[in-house]
Amino acid sequence: MRELVSEQDLARARSDAAFRQQLLAGNLERLLEALKQMRKTHDPSPESVRQLHEGVELAVKLAGRLQVTAQSR
């Protein structure tokens, strides 16, 4: 499996705002897709519920960062 984010990607994102925005957006899309798949499994275990909750919190944080970055442009 390909690394989600390479060290090269991180280095470039630090200096290239447009690339950083693209990287955040791509990872948000990937996270939302994973959350959608988790919901489809209907696993009521406490661990799955916790992971789903954490994923939603992370998605909100990523969306907030995307919004702040877009507004600062």
N, C-alpha and C. Protein backbone atom coordinates (compact mmCIF):
# COMPACT_ATOMS: atom_id res chain seq x y z
N MET A 1 0.84 -1.18 0.00
CA MET A 1 0.00 0.00 0.00
C MET A 1 0.88 1.24 0.00
N ARG A 2 0.53 2.20 -0.77
CA ARG A 2 1.25 3.46 -0.88
C ARG A 2 1.11 4.24 0.42
N GLU A 3 2.19 4.91 0.82
CA GLU A 3 2.12 5.78 1.99
C GLU A 3 1.07 6.83 1.76
N LEU A 4 0.31 7.15 2.79
CA LEU A 4 -0.71 8.18 2.64
C LEU A 4 -0.06 9.53 2.41
N VAL A 5 0.97 9.84 3.18
CA VAL A 5 1.71 11.09 3.02
C VAL A 5 3.19 10.78 3.21
N SER A 6 3.98 11.12 2.22
CA SER A 6 5.42 10.85 2.31
C SER A 6 6.13 12.02 2.98
N GLU A 7 7.35 11.80 3.35
CA GLU A 7 8.17 12.87 3.93
C GLU A 7 8.36 14.00 2.92
N GLN A 8 8.48 13.63 1.65
CA GLN A 8 8.59 14.64 0.59
C GLN A 8 7.34 15.51 0.52
N ASP A 9 6.18 14.87 0.63
CA ASP A 9 4.92 15.61 0.62
C ASP A 9 4.86 16.60 1.77
N LEU A 10 5.26 16.15 2.95
CA LEU A 10 5.23 17.03 4.12
C LEU A 10 6.17 18.22 3.95
N ALA A 11 7.36 17.95 3.43
CA ALA A 11 8.33 19.03 3.22
C ALA A 11 7.78 20.04 2.20
N ARG A 12 7.19 19.55 1.14
CA ARG A 12 6.64 20.45 0.13
C ARG A 12 5.45 21.23 0.69
N ALA A 13 4.62 20.59 1.48
CA ALA A 13 3.45 21.26 2.06
C ALA A 13 3.84 22.41 2.99
N ARG A 14 5.01 22.29 3.62
CA ARG A 14 5.47 23.36 4.51
C ARG A 14 5.79 24.64 3.75
N SER A 15 6.17 24.51 2.50
CA SER A 15 6.59 25.69 1.75
C SER A 15 5.65 26.07 0.60
N ASP A 16 4.69 25.23 0.28
CA ASP A 16 3.81 25.47 -0.86
C ASP A 16 2.35 25.42 -0.39
N ALA A 17 1.75 26.60 -0.22
CA ALA A 17 0.40 26.69 0.34
C ALA A 17 -0.64 25.99 -0.54
N ALA A 18 -0.51 26.10 -1.85
CA ALA A 18 -1.47 25.46 -2.75
C ALA A 18 -1.39 23.93 -2.62
N PHE A 19 -0.18 23.42 -2.54
CA PHE A 19 0.01 21.97 -2.37
C PHE A 19 -0.54 21.52 -1.02
N ARG A 20 -0.31 22.32 0.02
CA ARG A 20 -0.81 22.00 1.36
C ARG A 20 -2.33 21.90 1.33
N GLN A 21 -2.98 22.84 0.66
CA GLN A 21 -4.44 22.83 0.52
C GLN A 21 -4.90 21.57 -0.19
N GLN A 22 -4.21 21.22 -1.27
CA GLN A 22 -4.54 20.02 -2.04
C GLN A 22 -4.35 18.76 -1.19
N LEU A 23 -3.28 18.72 -0.43
CA LEU A 23 -2.99 17.57 0.42
C LEU A 23 -4.07 17.41 1.50
N LEU A 24 -4.45 18.51 2.14
CA LEU A 24 -5.51 18.47 3.15
C LEU A 24 -6.83 18.00 2.55
N ALA A 25 -7.18 18.55 1.39
CA ALA A 25 -8.44 18.17 0.75
C ALA A 25 -8.45 16.69 0.37
N GLY A 26 -7.36 16.21 -0.16
CA GLY A 26 -7.29 14.79 -0.53
C GLY A 26 -7.40 13.87 0.67
N ASN A 27 -6.75 14.26 1.76
CA ASN A 27 -6.82 13.44 2.96
C ASN A 27 -8.20 13.50 3.62
N LEU A 28 -8.85 14.65 3.52
CA LEU A 28 -10.22 14.75 4.04
C LEU A 28 -11.15 13.84 3.25
N GLU A 29 -11.01 13.84 1.94
CA GLU A 29 -11.84 12.95 1.11
C GLU A 29 -11.60 11.49 1.46
N ARG A 30 -10.34 11.14 1.64
CA ARG A 30 -9.99 9.76 1.99
C ARG A 30 -10.59 9.38 3.35
N LEU A 31 -10.51 10.29 4.30
CA LEU A 31 -11.06 10.05 5.64
C LEU A 31 -12.57 9.89 5.59
N LEU A 32 -13.24 10.77 4.85
CA LEU A 32 -14.70 10.68 4.75
C LEU A 32 -15.13 9.36 4.11
N GLU A 33 -14.39 8.91 3.12
CA GLU A 33 -14.70 7.63 2.48
C GLU A 33 -14.52 6.47 3.47
N ALA A 34 -13.46 6.53 4.26
CA ALA A 34 -13.23 5.48 5.27
C ALA A 34 -14.34 5.49 6.32
N LEU A 35 -14.77 6.67 6.73
CA LEU A 35 -15.86 6.76 7.71
C LEU A 35 -17.15 6.19 7.13
N LYS A 36 -17.39 6.47 5.86
CA LYS A 36 -18.58 5.94 5.20
C LYS A 36 -18.55 4.41 5.19
N GLN A 37 -17.39 3.84 4.89
CA GLN A 37 -17.25 2.39 4.89
C GLN A 37 -17.46 1.81 6.28
N MET A 38 -16.94 2.50 7.29
CA MET A 38 -17.12 2.02 8.67
C MET A 38 -18.59 2.00 9.05
N ARG A 39 -19.32 3.02 8.65
CA ARG A 39 -20.75 3.09 8.97
C ARG A 39 -21.51 1.95 8.30
N LYS A 40 -21.08 1.56 7.11
CA LYS A 40 -21.76 0.49 6.38
C LYS A 40 -21.61 -0.87 7.08
N THR A 41 -20.55 -1.04 7.87
CA THR A 41 -20.33 -2.34 8.51
C THR A 41 -21.29 -2.57 9.68
N HIS A 42 -21.87 -1.52 10.21
CA HIS A 42 -22.82 -1.61 11.33
C HIS A 42 -22.24 -2.39 12.51
N ASP A 43 -20.99 -2.12 12.81
CA ASP A 43 -20.32 -2.77 13.95
C ASP A 43 -20.56 -1.93 15.21
N PRO A 44 -21.41 -2.43 16.13
CA PRO A 44 -21.74 -1.63 17.33
C PRO A 44 -20.73 -1.76 18.47
N SER A 45 -19.59 -2.38 18.21
CA SER A 45 -18.62 -2.57 19.30
C SER A 45 -18.11 -1.21 19.79
N PRO A 46 -17.76 -1.14 21.07
CA PRO A 46 -17.25 0.13 21.61
C PRO A 46 -16.02 0.65 20.86
N GLU A 47 -15.16 -0.24 20.42
CA GLU A 47 -13.96 0.16 19.69
C GLU A 47 -14.32 0.82 18.35
N SER A 48 -15.26 0.23 17.64
CA SER A 48 -15.68 0.81 16.36
C SER A 48 -16.36 2.16 16.56
N VAL A 49 -17.18 2.25 17.59
CA VAL A 49 -17.85 3.52 17.88
C VAL A 49 -16.82 4.59 18.22
N ARG A 50 -15.81 4.23 19.01
CA ARG A 50 -14.75 5.17 19.37
C ARG A 50 -13.98 5.63 18.15
N GLN A 51 -13.62 4.69 17.27
CA GLN A 51 -12.88 5.03 16.06
C GLN A 51 -13.70 5.92 15.14
N LEU A 52 -14.98 5.63 15.03
CA LEU A 52 -15.85 6.45 14.20
C LEU A 52 -15.93 7.88 14.76
N HIS A 53 -16.06 7.97 16.06
CA HIS A 53 -16.13 9.29 16.72
C HIS A 53 -14.82 10.06 16.51
N GLU A 54 -13.70 9.41 16.68
CA GLU A 54 -12.40 10.06 16.46
C GLU A 54 -12.24 10.50 15.00
N GLY A 55 -12.70 9.66 14.10
CA GLY A 55 -12.61 10.00 12.68
C GLY A 55 -13.44 11.23 12.34
N VAL A 56 -14.62 11.32 12.93
CA VAL A 56 -15.47 12.49 12.70
C VAL A 56 -14.82 13.74 13.27
N GLU A 57 -14.24 13.64 14.46
CA GLU A 57 -13.55 14.79 15.05
C GLU A 57 -12.39 15.25 14.17
N LEU A 58 -11.64 14.30 13.64
CA LEU A 58 -10.52 14.63 12.75
C LEU A 58 -11.02 15.28 11.46
N ALA A 59 -12.12 14.76 10.92
CA ALA A 59 -12.68 15.34 9.70
C ALA A 59 -13.09 16.79 9.92
N VAL A 60 -13.66 17.07 11.08
CA VAL A 60 -14.06 18.45 11.40
C VAL A 60 -12.82 19.35 11.49
N LYS A 61 -11.76 18.84 12.12
CA LYS A 61 -10.52 19.62 12.22
C LYS A 61 -9.93 19.90 10.84
N LEU A 62 -9.88 18.87 9.99
CA LEU A 62 -9.35 19.05 8.64
C LEU A 62 -10.19 20.05 7.84
N ALA A 63 -11.50 19.94 7.94
CA ALA A 63 -12.37 20.87 7.24
C ALA A 63 -12.15 22.30 7.73
N GLY A 64 -11.96 22.46 9.03
CA GLY A 64 -11.68 23.77 9.59
C GLY A 64 -10.38 24.35 9.06
N ARG A 65 -9.36 23.53 8.99
CA ARG A 65 -8.07 24.00 8.45
C ARG A 65 -8.18 24.38 6.98
N LEU A 66 -8.93 23.60 6.24
CA LEU A 66 -9.15 23.93 4.83
C LEU A 66 -9.87 25.26 4.70
N GLN A 67 -10.84 25.48 5.53
CA GLN A 67 -11.61 26.72 5.47
C GLN A 67 -10.73 27.92 5.83
N VAL A 68 -9.93 27.79 6.88
CA VAL A 68 -9.04 28.88 7.29
C VAL A 68 -8.04 29.19 6.18
N THR A 69 -7.49 28.16 5.59
CA THR A 69 -6.51 28.35 4.51
C THR A 69 -7.15 29.02 3.31
N ALA A 70 -8.36 28.60 2.97
CA ALA A 70 -9.05 29.19 1.83
C ALA A 70 -9.40 30.65 2.08
N GLN A 71 -9.77 30.99 3.30
CA GLN A 71 -10.12 32.36 3.64
C GLN A 71 -8.90 33.28 3.67
N SER A 72 -7.74 32.74 3.99
CA SER A 72 -6.54 33.56 4.07
C SER A 72 -5.93 33.86 2.70
N ARG A 73 -6.42 33.21 1.67
CA ARG A 73 -5.89 33.43 0.31
C ARG A 73 -6.42 34.68 -0.29
